[in-house]
């Protein structure tokens, strides 16, 4: 691949990266009510995400459920952090792989060598990355446009063995609903449903997280 093709590949990936919806650095966080449901289990509480994007869940006395709710808030917040493309990918190289109905494959070299993405219509439609000794694969099925960038609304994720690429967890199917806080430009998660397929002795499950009465800090 010549230098022009490499440059075009980098530009394609950068466009998709910068097309994601993120919060601006002035965002001071938000607060509201939260709830968790799984079969007959139901909990309600309050939460705060501060300016450092750390979450604090209150009034849910079950520690396991409280941590589950907090982890969902953290996961959403961490993906809203706005970081310059070169600060994240400056030590990476990008090459075109194959193309299919999911999108154009981008093969990463350099610091994050081995990672792969697919891009379609300036949207990241697939992510395949090594995280903490495991491989995670994410496919985006549907998005929501905010006017400030896109949010992944329906997607799947699954952890796999790094060497064999065989699944080591059940497939997670996510369906997110986002809403704007008051009349601000800030979009936040208002509902997340996670359906997890059965994996070996771990039964299938369905969890629903809801966030409401949200206000800026």
Foldseek 3Di string as FASTA:
>chain_A
DDPVQQVVQVVLLLLLVQQAAADDLVAAWKKFKKWKDWVPDIDIWIWTQGSVRQIDTPDGPPPVVRVVLRVVSSVQNVSRDDDRPCVPDVQKTWHWDDADPQATKIAIDGPQHPWIFGDDPSHTQWTWGDDPQKTKIKGADDWDDLVSHIGRAWMKMFIAHPPPRHTPFFIKTKGWDWDAADPDSDIDTAKIWIWGPDDDPRHTIIMMMGTDPMHGD
